[in-house]
Amino acid sequence: MSSTDLWYATRASGLMALILLTLTMVLGMTTTTRARARNWPGFAQQEMHRRISMIAVVFLGIHVVTSVLDTFVNISWAAVVIPFTSSYGTFWVGVGAIALDLMIAVFVTSLLRARMRPGTWRAVHWLAYLCWPVALAHTFGMGTDSREGWVIVLGIVCVASVAAALAWRLREVSRQTSARTAHAAVAGVPPKHLALTGQGRRGSRRA
């Protein structure tokens, strides 16, 4: 492949990785804390979340490989995983390396989930929420076409999608908390005890 072909492949794969990572974020926030689509089974969202995450890793891999192979710039293999060691675009390549490291940590721990303590896995998986804004910053800080109108619109759509998913999740959490408190009041269980034991749900069914 020529340097031009590699450049196009790098930019296309980077943008696709950002889109897929955004979808992963949205699905991740709408499948946690029972905040799921009313007419869509939770397991279907979880499976889609897993598959899109894997595809995002594939595009991220293409983005990394084509970036290193492109002879127009000098980005070493070490620089893509060790932040701020690249002689080219030191800062923004470093930001991309941070996003890559975070995504690798999330991906590897997801594969090893069955062998990890739930609390440990959950703590590492929260890195996915940090990975997305770092990847977004890398895309628009490093991207040579980041000032193109359609790329700016794409970034706005990604930000708006994540913001909407976050707002929806917070609303669902608030609604569920209010519902548990109301059920606890009916069942005569203190809200604090309800949160710790989940007795309110059983009490509400008995009522």
N, C-alpha and C. Protein backbone atom coordinates (compact mmCIF):
# COMPACT_ATOMS: atom_id res chain seq x y z
N MET A 1 0.84 -1.20 0.00
CA MET A 1 0.00 0.00 0.00
C MET A 1 0.87 1.24 0.00
N SER A 2 0.40 2.28 -0.71
CA SER A 2 1.13 3.54 -0.73
C SER A 2 0.86 4.30 0.55
N SER A 3 1.66 5.35 0.77
CA SER A 3 1.46 6.16 1.97
C SER A 3 0.08 6.80 1.98
N THR A 4 -0.39 7.18 0.79
CA THR A 4 -1.72 7.80 0.69
C THR A 4 -2.81 6.80 1.09
N ASP A 5 -2.67 5.57 0.59
CA ASP A 5 -3.64 4.54 0.94
C ASP A 5 -3.65 4.28 2.45
N LEU A 6 -2.46 4.23 3.03
CA LEU A 6 -2.36 4.01 4.47
C LEU A 6 -2.98 5.17 5.25
N TRP A 7 -2.80 6.38 4.73
CA TRP A 7 -3.37 7.55 5.40
C TRP A 7 -4.89 7.47 5.42
N TYR A 8 -5.47 7.12 4.26
CA TYR A 8 -6.93 6.98 4.20
C TYR A 8 -7.40 5.85 5.11
N ALA A 9 -6.67 4.75 5.11
CA ALA A 9 -7.05 3.62 5.97
C ALA A 9 -6.95 4.00 7.44
N THR A 10 -5.93 4.77 7.80
CA THR A 10 -5.76 5.20 9.19
C THR A 10 -6.91 6.09 9.62
N ARG A 11 -7.25 7.08 8.80
CA ARG A 11 -8.32 8.00 9.17
C ARG A 11 -9.67 7.30 9.20
N ALA A 12 -9.94 6.46 8.18
CA ALA A 12 -11.24 5.78 8.13
C ALA A 12 -11.41 4.83 9.31
N SER A 13 -10.37 4.05 9.61
CA SER A 13 -10.46 3.10 10.71
C SER A 13 -10.55 3.81 12.06
N GLY A 14 -9.87 4.95 12.18
CA GLY A 14 -9.94 5.71 13.42
C GLY A 14 -11.34 6.25 13.67
N LEU A 15 -11.95 6.79 12.62
CA LEU A 15 -13.31 7.32 12.76
C LEU A 15 -14.33 6.19 13.02
N MET A 16 -14.13 5.05 12.35
CA MET A 16 -15.03 3.93 12.60
C MET A 16 -14.88 3.42 14.03
N ALA A 17 -13.65 3.40 14.52
CA ALA A 17 -13.43 2.97 15.90
C ALA A 17 -14.13 3.91 16.87
N LEU A 18 -14.10 5.22 16.59
CA LEU A 18 -14.77 6.20 17.44
C LEU A 18 -16.28 5.99 17.42
N ILE A 19 -16.85 5.76 16.23
CA ILE A 19 -18.29 5.52 16.11
C ILE A 19 -18.69 4.28 16.89
N LEU A 20 -17.93 3.21 16.72
CA LEU A 20 -18.26 1.95 17.40
C LEU A 20 -18.05 2.07 18.91
N LEU A 21 -17.04 2.81 19.31
CA LEU A 21 -16.82 3.03 20.74
C LEU A 21 -17.96 3.84 21.34
N THR A 22 -18.48 4.79 20.57
CA THR A 22 -19.63 5.58 21.01
C THR A 22 -20.86 4.68 21.19
N LEU A 23 -21.10 3.79 20.22
CA LEU A 23 -22.21 2.85 20.34
C LEU A 23 -22.03 1.94 21.55
N THR A 24 -20.78 1.53 21.79
CA THR A 24 -20.50 0.70 22.96
C THR A 24 -20.84 1.44 24.25
N MET A 25 -20.47 2.72 24.30
CA MET A 25 -20.77 3.53 25.47
C MET A 25 -22.27 3.64 25.68
N VAL A 26 -22.99 3.92 24.61
CA VAL A 26 -24.45 4.10 24.71
C VAL A 26 -25.11 2.81 25.18
N LEU A 27 -24.73 1.69 24.57
CA LEU A 27 -25.32 0.41 24.97
C LEU A 27 -24.90 0.04 26.38
N GLY A 28 -23.66 0.36 26.75
CA GLY A 28 -23.21 0.05 28.10
C GLY A 28 -24.01 0.79 29.15
N MET A 29 -24.33 2.05 28.89
CA MET A 29 -25.08 2.83 29.87
C MET A 29 -26.55 2.45 29.90
N THR A 30 -27.07 1.88 28.82
CA THR A 30 -28.48 1.53 28.79
C THR A 30 -28.73 0.06 29.13
N THR A 31 -27.69 -0.68 29.43
CA THR A 31 -27.88 -2.07 29.85
C THR A 31 -27.48 -2.28 31.30
N THR A 32 -27.03 -1.23 31.97
CA THR A 32 -26.66 -1.34 33.38
C THR A 32 -27.80 -0.84 34.25
N THR A 33 -27.76 -1.22 35.50
CA THR A 33 -28.76 -0.84 36.51
C THR A 33 -30.19 -1.03 36.02
N ARG A 34 -30.38 -2.11 35.24
CA ARG A 34 -31.71 -2.48 34.71
C ARG A 34 -32.33 -1.39 33.85
N ALA A 35 -31.51 -0.45 33.35
CA ALA A 35 -32.03 0.60 32.49
C ALA A 35 -32.00 0.11 31.05
N ARG A 36 -33.01 -0.64 30.67
CA ARG A 36 -33.04 -1.26 29.36
C ARG A 36 -34.28 -0.85 28.59
N ALA A 37 -34.19 -1.00 27.28
CA ALA A 37 -35.34 -0.68 26.45
C ALA A 37 -36.51 -1.57 26.84
N ARG A 38 -37.69 -0.99 26.97
CA ARG A 38 -38.85 -1.73 27.47
C ARG A 38 -39.25 -2.88 26.55
N ASN A 39 -39.07 -2.70 25.23
CA ASN A 39 -39.51 -3.72 24.29
C ASN A 39 -38.33 -4.50 23.69
N TRP A 40 -37.18 -4.47 24.38
CA TRP A 40 -36.00 -5.16 23.86
C TRP A 40 -35.35 -5.92 25.00
N PRO A 41 -35.23 -7.25 24.90
CA PRO A 41 -34.66 -8.03 25.99
C PRO A 41 -33.26 -7.55 26.38
N GLY A 42 -32.98 -7.58 27.67
CA GLY A 42 -31.69 -7.13 28.15
C GLY A 42 -30.54 -7.93 27.59
N PHE A 43 -30.74 -9.27 27.42
CA PHE A 43 -29.64 -10.10 26.92
C PHE A 43 -29.28 -9.72 25.48
N ALA A 44 -30.25 -9.26 24.70
CA ALA A 44 -29.98 -8.86 23.32
C ALA A 44 -29.09 -7.62 23.30
N GLN A 45 -29.37 -6.66 24.18
CA GLN A 45 -28.53 -5.48 24.27
C GLN A 45 -27.13 -5.83 24.73
N GLN A 46 -27.04 -6.74 25.69
CA GLN A 46 -25.73 -7.14 26.20
C GLN A 46 -24.91 -7.83 25.12
N GLU A 47 -25.55 -8.68 24.32
CA GLU A 47 -24.84 -9.37 23.26
C GLU A 47 -24.40 -8.39 22.17
N MET A 48 -25.27 -7.45 21.83
CA MET A 48 -24.90 -6.44 20.85
C MET A 48 -23.75 -5.58 21.36
N HIS A 49 -23.81 -5.23 22.65
CA HIS A 49 -22.74 -4.46 23.28
C HIS A 49 -21.41 -5.20 23.17
N ARG A 50 -21.43 -6.51 23.42
CA ARG A 50 -20.20 -7.30 23.36
C ARG A 50 -19.66 -7.37 21.94
N ARG A 51 -20.54 -7.61 20.97
CA ARG A 51 -20.10 -7.76 19.58
C ARG A 51 -19.58 -6.44 19.01
N ILE A 52 -20.26 -5.35 19.31
CA ILE A 52 -19.79 -4.05 18.82
C ILE A 52 -18.46 -3.69 19.45
N SER A 53 -18.27 -4.05 20.70
CA SER A 53 -16.99 -3.81 21.37
C SER A 53 -15.86 -4.55 20.65
N MET A 54 -16.12 -5.78 20.26
CA MET A 54 -15.11 -6.58 19.57
C MET A 54 -14.79 -5.99 18.20
N ILE A 55 -15.82 -5.53 17.49
CA ILE A 55 -15.59 -4.92 16.17
C ILE A 55 -14.80 -3.62 16.33
N ALA A 56 -15.10 -2.86 17.39
CA ALA A 56 -14.35 -1.64 17.66
C ALA A 56 -12.87 -1.93 17.87
N VAL A 57 -12.57 -3.03 18.56
CA VAL A 57 -11.18 -3.42 18.78
C VAL A 57 -10.50 -3.75 17.44
N VAL A 58 -11.23 -4.39 16.54
CA VAL A 58 -10.68 -4.73 15.22
C VAL A 58 -10.31 -3.45 14.46
N PHE A 59 -11.23 -2.49 14.42
CA PHE A 59 -10.94 -1.25 13.71
C PHE A 59 -9.82 -0.47 14.40
N LEU A 60 -9.77 -0.55 15.72
CA LEU A 60 -8.68 0.10 16.44
C LEU A 60 -7.35 -0.53 16.06
N GLY A 61 -7.34 -1.86 15.92
CA GLY A 61 -6.13 -2.54 15.50
C GLY A 61 -5.68 -2.11 14.12
N ILE A 62 -6.64 -1.99 13.20
CA ILE A 62 -6.32 -1.51 11.85
C ILE A 62 -5.75 -0.09 11.90
N HIS A 63 -6.35 0.73 12.73
CA HIS A 63 -5.90 2.12 12.89
C HIS A 63 -4.45 2.17 13.38
N VAL A 64 -4.13 1.33 14.35
CA VAL A 64 -2.78 1.31 14.91
C VAL A 64 -1.77 0.80 13.88
N VAL A 65 -2.09 -0.31 13.23
CA VAL A 65 -1.16 -0.92 12.27
C VAL A 65 -0.87 0.01 11.10
N THR A 66 -1.92 0.62 10.54
CA THR A 66 -1.71 1.51 9.40
C THR A 66 -0.96 2.77 9.80
N SER A 67 -1.15 3.22 11.04
CA SER A 67 -0.42 4.40 11.52
C SER A 67 1.07 4.12 11.60
N VAL A 68 1.42 2.94 12.07
CA VAL A 68 2.83 2.57 12.20
C VAL A 68 3.46 2.30 10.84
N LEU A 69 2.72 1.67 9.94
CA LEU A 69 3.26 1.32 8.63
C LEU A 69 3.40 2.52 7.70
N ASP A 70 2.65 3.57 7.96
CA ASP A 70 2.71 4.76 7.11
C ASP A 70 4.10 5.40 7.23
N THR A 71 4.83 5.42 6.13
CA THR A 71 6.19 5.95 6.15
C THR A 71 6.24 7.48 6.09
N PHE A 72 5.07 8.12 5.86
CA PHE A 72 5.05 9.58 5.79
C PHE A 72 5.31 10.18 7.17
N VAL A 73 4.91 9.48 8.21
CA VAL A 73 5.17 9.92 9.58
C VAL A 73 5.96 8.82 10.30
N ASN A 74 6.57 9.19 11.40
CA ASN A 74 7.39 8.24 12.15
C ASN A 74 6.75 7.94 13.50
N ILE A 75 5.96 6.87 13.52
CA ILE A 75 5.32 6.42 14.76
C ILE A 75 5.75 4.97 14.98
N SER A 76 6.46 4.73 16.07
CA SER A 76 6.97 3.39 16.35
C SER A 76 5.91 2.53 17.03
N TRP A 77 6.16 1.21 17.08
CA TRP A 77 5.26 0.31 17.78
C TRP A 77 5.20 0.64 19.26
N ALA A 78 6.35 1.00 19.81
CA ALA A 78 6.38 1.34 21.24
C ALA A 78 5.54 2.57 21.53
N ALA A 79 5.55 3.54 20.61
CA ALA A 79 4.85 4.81 20.85
C ALA A 79 3.35 4.66 20.89
N VAL A 80 2.82 3.59 20.28
CA VAL A 80 1.36 3.43 20.28
C VAL A 80 0.84 2.85 21.59
N VAL A 81 1.74 2.36 22.43
CA VAL A 81 1.30 1.82 23.72
C VAL A 81 1.95 2.53 24.91
N ILE A 82 3.06 3.24 24.66
CA ILE A 82 3.72 3.99 25.72
C ILE A 82 3.46 5.47 25.47
N PRO A 83 2.62 6.10 26.27
CA PRO A 83 2.22 7.49 26.01
C PRO A 83 3.39 8.47 25.97
N PHE A 84 3.28 9.42 25.03
CA PHE A 84 4.18 10.58 24.92
C PHE A 84 5.62 10.20 24.64
N THR A 85 5.83 9.11 23.89
CA THR A 85 7.19 8.72 23.49
C THR A 85 7.39 8.86 21.99
N SER A 86 6.36 9.27 21.27
CA SER A 86 6.47 9.41 19.81
C SER A 86 7.18 10.70 19.44
N SER A 87 8.05 10.61 18.44
CA SER A 87 8.73 11.81 17.95
C SER A 87 7.82 12.64 17.06
N TYR A 88 6.74 12.03 16.59
CA TYR A 88 5.77 12.74 15.75
C TYR A 88 4.48 12.93 16.55
N GLY A 89 4.01 14.18 16.58
CA GLY A 89 2.76 14.46 17.28
C GLY A 89 2.78 13.92 18.70
N THR A 90 3.82 14.25 19.44
CA THR A 90 4.05 13.64 20.75
C THR A 90 2.83 13.64 21.65
N PHE A 91 2.19 14.80 21.77
CA PHE A 91 1.07 14.89 22.72
C PHE A 91 -0.14 14.09 22.26
N TRP A 92 -0.60 14.33 21.02
CA TRP A 92 -1.84 13.71 20.57
C TRP A 92 -1.68 12.22 20.30
N VAL A 93 -0.49 11.81 19.83
CA VAL A 93 -0.23 10.37 19.72
C VAL A 93 -0.22 9.75 21.11
N GLY A 94 0.35 10.49 22.08
CA GLY A 94 0.34 10.02 23.46
C GLY A 94 -1.06 9.86 24.01
N VAL A 95 -1.95 10.80 23.68
CA VAL A 95 -3.35 10.70 24.10
C VAL A 95 -3.99 9.46 23.48
N GLY A 96 -3.67 9.21 22.21
CA GLY A 96 -4.19 8.01 21.56
C GLY A 96 -3.66 6.74 22.21
N ALA A 97 -2.40 6.77 22.64
CA ALA A 97 -1.82 5.61 23.32
C ALA A 97 -2.54 5.33 24.64
N ILE A 98 -2.92 6.40 25.35
CA ILE A 98 -3.66 6.23 26.60
C ILE A 98 -5.02 5.58 26.31
N ALA A 99 -5.69 6.06 25.27
CA ALA A 99 -6.99 5.48 24.91
C ALA A 99 -6.83 4.00 24.54
N LEU A 100 -5.77 3.68 23.80
CA LEU A 100 -5.52 2.29 23.42
C LEU A 100 -5.26 1.42 24.65
N ASP A 101 -4.43 1.90 25.56
CA ASP A 101 -4.12 1.13 26.77
C ASP A 101 -5.38 0.88 27.60
N LEU A 102 -6.23 1.90 27.72
CA LEU A 102 -7.46 1.74 28.48
C LEU A 102 -8.38 0.72 27.83
N MET A 103 -8.47 0.79 26.51
CA MET A 103 -9.35 -0.13 25.80
C MET A 103 -8.82 -1.56 25.88
N ILE A 104 -7.50 -1.73 25.81
CA ILE A 104 -6.92 -3.06 25.95
C ILE A 104 -7.23 -3.63 27.33
N ALA A 105 -7.10 -2.78 28.36
CA ALA A 105 -7.39 -3.23 29.73
C ALA A 105 -8.83 -3.69 29.85
N VAL A 106 -9.76 -2.93 29.28
CA VAL A 106 -11.17 -3.30 29.34
C VAL A 106 -11.43 -4.59 28.56
N PHE A 107 -10.84 -4.69 27.37
CA PHE A 107 -11.07 -5.86 26.51
C PHE A 107 -10.51 -7.13 27.15
N VAL A 108 -9.29 -7.06 27.66
CA VAL A 108 -8.66 -8.25 28.25
C VAL A 108 -9.43 -8.71 29.49
N THR A 109 -9.80 -7.76 30.35
CA THR A 109 -10.53 -8.14 31.55
C THR A 109 -11.92 -8.67 31.23
N SER A 110 -12.50 -8.22 30.13
CA SER A 110 -13.80 -8.76 29.72
C SER A 110 -13.65 -10.23 29.32
N LEU A 111 -12.55 -10.55 28.64
CA LEU A 111 -12.30 -11.94 28.26
C LEU A 111 -12.05 -12.82 29.49
N LEU A 112 -11.48 -12.22 30.53
CA LEU A 112 -11.14 -12.96 31.75
C LEU A 112 -12.18 -12.77 32.85
N ARG A 113 -13.34 -12.28 32.50
CA ARG A 113 -14.35 -11.93 33.51
C ARG A 113 -14.69 -13.11 34.41
N ALA A 114 -14.81 -14.30 33.84
CA ALA A 114 -15.21 -15.47 34.63
C ALA A 114 -14.17 -15.82 35.70
N ARG A 115 -12.93 -15.37 35.51
CA ARG A 115 -11.86 -15.70 36.45
C ARG A 115 -11.55 -14.56 37.41
N MET A 116 -12.30 -13.49 37.32
CA MET A 116 -12.03 -12.32 38.15
C MET A 116 -13.15 -12.12 39.16
N ARG A 117 -12.82 -11.46 40.26
CA ARG A 117 -13.85 -11.07 41.21
C ARG A 117 -14.74 -10.01 40.57
N PRO A 118 -16.04 -10.08 40.81
CA PRO A 118 -16.95 -9.11 40.20
C PRO A 118 -16.56 -7.66 40.48
N GLY A 119 -16.15 -7.38 41.71
CA GLY A 119 -15.78 -6.01 42.05
C GLY A 119 -14.56 -5.53 41.30
N THR A 120 -13.57 -6.42 41.14
CA THR A 120 -12.35 -6.07 40.40
C THR A 120 -12.66 -5.84 38.94
N TRP A 121 -13.45 -6.76 38.35
CA TRP A 121 -13.82 -6.60 36.94
C TRP A 121 -14.58 -5.31 36.72
N ARG A 122 -15.52 -5.01 37.62
CA ARG A 122 -16.33 -3.81 37.46
C ARG A 122 -15.48 -2.55 37.56
N ALA A 123 -14.52 -2.55 38.46
CA ALA A 123 -13.65 -1.38 38.63
C ALA A 123 -12.83 -1.12 37.36
N VAL A 124 -12.29 -2.20 36.77
CA VAL A 124 -11.51 -2.04 35.55
C VAL A 124 -12.41 -1.66 34.39
N HIS A 125 -13.61 -2.24 34.34
CA HIS A 125 -14.51 -1.97 33.23
C HIS A 125 -14.97 -0.51 33.20
N TRP A 126 -14.94 0.14 34.35
CA TRP A 126 -15.29 1.55 34.38
C TRP A 126 -14.31 2.39 33.55
N LEU A 127 -13.14 1.83 33.25
CA LEU A 127 -12.18 2.55 32.42
C LEU A 127 -12.74 2.83 31.03
N ALA A 128 -13.73 2.04 30.61
CA ALA A 128 -14.34 2.26 29.30
C ALA A 128 -14.95 3.64 29.21
N TYR A 129 -15.48 4.13 30.33
CA TYR A 129 -16.09 5.46 30.33
C TYR A 129 -15.03 6.55 30.18
N LEU A 130 -13.81 6.28 30.65
CA LEU A 130 -12.72 7.23 30.48
C LEU A 130 -12.10 7.11 29.09
N CYS A 131 -12.15 5.90 28.53
CA CYS A 131 -11.56 5.66 27.22
C CYS A 131 -12.23 6.51 26.13
N TRP A 132 -13.55 6.64 26.21
CA TRP A 132 -14.27 7.34 25.14
C TRP A 132 -13.87 8.81 25.00
N PRO A 133 -13.89 9.63 26.07
CA PRO A 133 -13.50 11.04 25.88
C PRO A 133 -12.03 11.19 25.48
N VAL A 134 -11.17 10.27 25.94
CA VAL A 134 -9.76 10.33 25.54
C VAL A 134 -9.63 10.04 24.05
N ALA A 135 -10.35 9.03 23.57
CA ALA A 135 -10.34 8.71 22.15
C ALA A 135 -10.91 9.85 21.31
N LEU A 136 -11.95 10.48 21.82
CA LEU A 136 -12.55 11.62 21.12
C LEU A 136 -11.54 12.76 21.01
N ALA A 137 -10.83 13.03 22.09
CA ALA A 137 -9.82 14.09 22.08
C ALA A 137 -8.71 13.77 21.09
N HIS A 138 -8.29 12.51 21.04
CA HIS A 138 -7.25 12.10 20.10
C HIS A 138 -7.72 12.29 18.66
N THR A 139 -8.97 11.92 18.39
CA THR A 139 -9.51 12.02 17.03
C THR A 139 -9.47 13.45 16.51
N PHE A 140 -9.89 14.39 17.34
CA PHE A 140 -9.97 15.77 16.87
C PHE A 140 -8.68 16.55 17.12
N GLY A 141 -7.83 16.07 17.98
CA GLY A 141 -6.55 16.74 18.18
C GLY A 141 -5.52 16.31 17.17
N MET A 142 -5.56 15.03 16.80
CA MET A 142 -4.56 14.46 15.90
C MET A 142 -5.02 14.45 14.45
N GLY A 143 -6.32 14.32 14.25
CA GLY A 143 -6.85 14.13 12.90
C GLY A 143 -6.58 15.30 11.97
N THR A 144 -6.04 14.99 10.81
CA THR A 144 -5.76 16.04 9.82
C THR A 144 -7.02 16.54 9.13
N ASP A 145 -8.10 15.78 9.22
CA ASP A 145 -9.36 16.22 8.62
C ASP A 145 -10.40 16.57 9.68
N SER A 146 -9.94 16.84 10.89
CA SER A 146 -10.87 17.12 11.99
C SER A 146 -11.62 18.43 11.82
N ARG A 147 -11.16 19.28 10.90
CA ARG A 147 -11.85 20.55 10.65
C ARG A 147 -12.85 20.45 9.52
N GLU A 148 -12.95 19.26 8.92
CA GLU A 148 -13.96 19.06 7.88
C GLU A 148 -15.35 19.10 8.51
N GLY A 149 -16.28 19.71 7.79
CA GLY A 149 -17.62 19.87 8.33
C GLY A 149 -18.27 18.57 8.74
N TRP A 150 -18.16 17.53 7.92
CA TRP A 150 -18.84 16.27 8.22
C TRP A 150 -18.21 15.57 9.41
N VAL A 151 -16.89 15.78 9.60
CA VAL A 151 -16.23 15.17 10.76
C VAL A 151 -16.68 15.89 12.04
N ILE A 152 -16.82 17.20 11.96
CA ILE A 152 -17.30 17.97 13.12
C ILE A 152 -18.72 17.53 13.48
N VAL A 153 -19.57 17.36 12.46
CA VAL A 153 -20.94 16.89 12.70
C VAL A 153 -20.92 15.50 13.34
N LEU A 154 -20.04 14.65 12.86
CA LEU A 154 -19.90 13.31 13.43
C LEU A 154 -19.54 13.38 14.91
N GLY A 155 -18.60 14.27 15.23
CA GLY A 155 -18.20 14.42 16.63
C GLY A 155 -19.35 14.92 17.49
N ILE A 156 -20.12 15.87 16.96
CA ILE A 156 -21.26 16.40 17.70
C ILE A 156 -22.30 15.30 17.95
N VAL A 157 -22.54 14.47 16.93
CA VAL A 157 -23.50 13.38 17.07
C VAL A 157 -23.03 12.39 18.13
N CYS A 158 -21.73 12.09 18.13
CA CYS A 158 -21.18 11.15 19.12
C CYS A 158 -21.35 11.71 20.54
N VAL A 159 -21.01 12.97 20.72
CA VAL A 159 -21.13 13.60 22.04
C VAL A 159 -22.59 13.65 22.47
N ALA A 160 -23.47 14.04 21.55
CA ALA A 160 -24.89 14.13 21.88
C ALA A 160 -25.47 12.77 22.24
N SER A 161 -25.02 11.73 21.54
CA SER A 161 -25.53 10.38 21.81
C SER A 161 -25.14 9.90 23.20
N VAL A 162 -23.88 10.11 23.56
CA VAL A 162 -23.41 9.71 24.88
C VAL A 162 -24.10 10.54 25.97
N ALA A 163 -24.24 11.84 25.72
CA ALA A 163 -24.90 12.71 26.70
C ALA A 163 -26.35 12.29 26.90
N ALA A 164 -27.04 11.95 25.81
CA ALA A 164 -28.44 11.53 25.92
C ALA A 164 -28.54 10.21 26.68
N ALA A 165 -27.64 9.27 26.39
CA ALA A 165 -27.65 7.98 27.10
C ALA A 165 -27.38 8.18 28.58
N LEU A 166 -26.45 9.08 28.90
CA LEU A 166 -26.14 9.35 30.31
C LEU A 166 -27.33 9.97 31.02
N ALA A 167 -27.98 10.94 30.36
CA ALA A 167 -29.16 11.58 30.95
C ALA A 167 -30.27 10.57 31.17
N TRP A 168 -30.47 9.68 30.21
CA TRP A 168 -31.51 8.65 30.32
C TRP A 168 -31.21 7.71 31.47
N ARG A 169 -29.95 7.33 31.59
CA ARG A 169 -29.56 6.42 32.67
C ARG A 169 -29.78 7.07 34.04
N LEU A 170 -29.38 8.32 34.17
CA LEU A 170 -29.56 9.02 35.45
C LEU A 170 -31.04 9.13 35.79
N ARG A 171 -31.86 9.38 34.77
CA ARG A 171 -33.31 9.47 35.01
C ARG A 171 -33.87 8.12 35.45
N GLU A 172 -33.41 7.04 34.80
CA GLU A 172 -33.88 5.71 35.17
C GLU A 172 -33.45 5.33 36.58
N VAL A 173 -32.21 5.66 36.93
CA VAL A 173 -31.72 5.37 38.27
C VAL A 173 -32.55 6.13 39.31
N SER A 174 -32.83 7.40 39.02
CA SER A 174 -33.64 8.20 39.93
C SER A 174 -35.05 7.64 40.06
N ARG A 175 -35.63 7.22 38.94
CA ARG A 175 -36.98 6.66 38.95
C ARG A 175 -37.02 5.36 39.74
N GLN A 176 -36.01 4.50 39.54
CA GLN A 176 -35.97 3.22 40.23
C GLN A 176 -35.75 3.41 41.73
N THR A 177 -34.93 4.40 42.08
CA THR A 177 -34.71 4.69 43.50
C THR A 177 -36.00 5.16 44.15
N SER A 178 -36.74 6.03 43.45
CA SER A 178 -38.02 6.51 43.98
C SER A 178 -39.01 5.37 44.13
N ALA A 179 -39.01 4.45 43.14
CA ALA A 179 -39.94 3.32 43.19
C ALA A 179 -39.60 2.40 44.36
N ARG A 180 -38.32 2.16 44.60
CA ARG A 180 -37.93 1.31 45.72
C ARG A 180 -38.30 1.94 47.05
N THR A 181 -38.14 3.26 47.13
CA THR A 181 -38.50 3.96 48.36
C THR A 181 -40.00 3.88 48.61
N ALA A 182 -40.79 4.03 47.54
CA ALA A 182 -42.24 3.94 47.67
C ALA A 182 -42.67 2.53 48.08
N HIS A 183 -42.04 1.52 47.49
CA HIS A 183 -42.36 0.14 47.85
C HIS A 183 -41.99 -0.14 49.30
N ALA A 184 -40.87 0.43 49.72
CA ALA A 184 -40.44 0.22 51.10
C ALA A 184 -41.43 0.84 52.07
N ALA A 185 -41.95 2.02 51.70
CA ALA A 185 -42.92 2.68 52.58
C ALA A 185 -44.19 1.85 52.71
N VAL A 186 -44.63 1.24 51.60
CA VAL A 186 -45.83 0.41 51.62
C VAL A 186 -45.60 -0.85 52.45
N ALA A 187 -44.40 -1.43 52.29
CA ALA A 187 -44.10 -2.68 53.00
C ALA A 187 -43.64 -2.44 54.43
N GLY A 188 -43.42 -1.20 54.79
CA GLY A 188 -42.97 -0.88 56.14
C GLY A 188 -41.52 -1.19 56.38
N VAL A 189 -40.69 -1.15 55.31
CA VAL A 189 -39.26 -1.42 55.43
C VAL A 189 -38.50 -0.11 55.29
N PRO A 190 -37.60 0.22 56.21
CA PRO A 190 -36.81 1.45 56.08
C PRO A 190 -36.05 1.47 54.77
N PRO A 191 -35.99 2.60 54.05
CA PRO A 191 -35.29 2.70 52.77
C PRO A 191 -33.84 2.23 52.84
N LYS A 192 -33.13 2.53 53.96
CA LYS A 192 -31.74 2.12 54.08
C LYS A 192 -31.63 0.61 54.09
N HIS A 193 -32.54 -0.03 54.83
CA HIS A 193 -32.55 -1.48 54.89
C HIS A 193 -32.91 -2.07 53.53
N LEU A 194 -33.79 -1.41 52.83
CA LEU A 194 -34.20 -1.85 51.49
C LEU A 194 -33.03 -1.86 50.55
N ALA A 195 -32.22 -0.79 50.58
CA ALA A 195 -31.09 -0.69 49.66
C ALA A 195 -30.07 -1.78 49.92
N LEU A 196 -29.94 -2.18 51.18
CA LEU A 196 -28.93 -3.17 51.54
C LEU A 196 -29.38 -4.59 51.26
N THR A 197 -30.65 -4.86 51.42
CA THR A 197 -31.11 -6.24 51.35
C THR A 197 -32.02 -6.55 50.19
N GLY A 198 -32.62 -5.51 49.59
CA GLY A 198 -33.55 -5.76 48.50
C GLY A 198 -34.87 -6.32 48.96
N GLN A 199 -35.20 -6.22 50.29
CA GLN A 199 -36.43 -6.79 50.82
C GLN A 199 -37.66 -6.08 50.29
N GLY A 200 -37.48 -4.82 49.88
CA GLY A 200 -38.64 -4.05 49.44
C GLY A 200 -39.30 -4.66 48.23
N ARG A 201 -38.47 -5.23 47.32
CA ARG A 201 -39.07 -5.82 46.13
C ARG A 201 -39.89 -7.05 46.49
N ARG A 202 -39.35 -7.85 47.44
CA ARG A 202 -40.11 -9.03 47.85
C ARG A 202 -41.34 -8.64 48.63
N GLY A 203 -41.19 -7.57 49.46
CA GLY A 203 -42.32 -7.11 50.24
C GLY A 203 -43.42 -6.55 49.35
N SER A 204 -43.01 -5.87 48.28
CA SER A 204 -44.02 -5.29 47.38
C SER A 204 -44.78 -6.38 46.66
N ARG A 205 -44.09 -7.51 46.37
CA ARG A 205 -44.82 -8.61 45.70
C ARG A 205 -45.81 -9.25 46.67
N ARG A 206 -45.41 -9.35 47.97
CA ARG A 206 -46.35 -9.91 48.92
C ARG A 206 -47.55 -9.02 49.11
N ALA A 207 -47.31 -7.68 49.05
CA ALA A 207 -48.40 -6.75 49.19
C ALA A 207 -49.35 -6.87 48.01
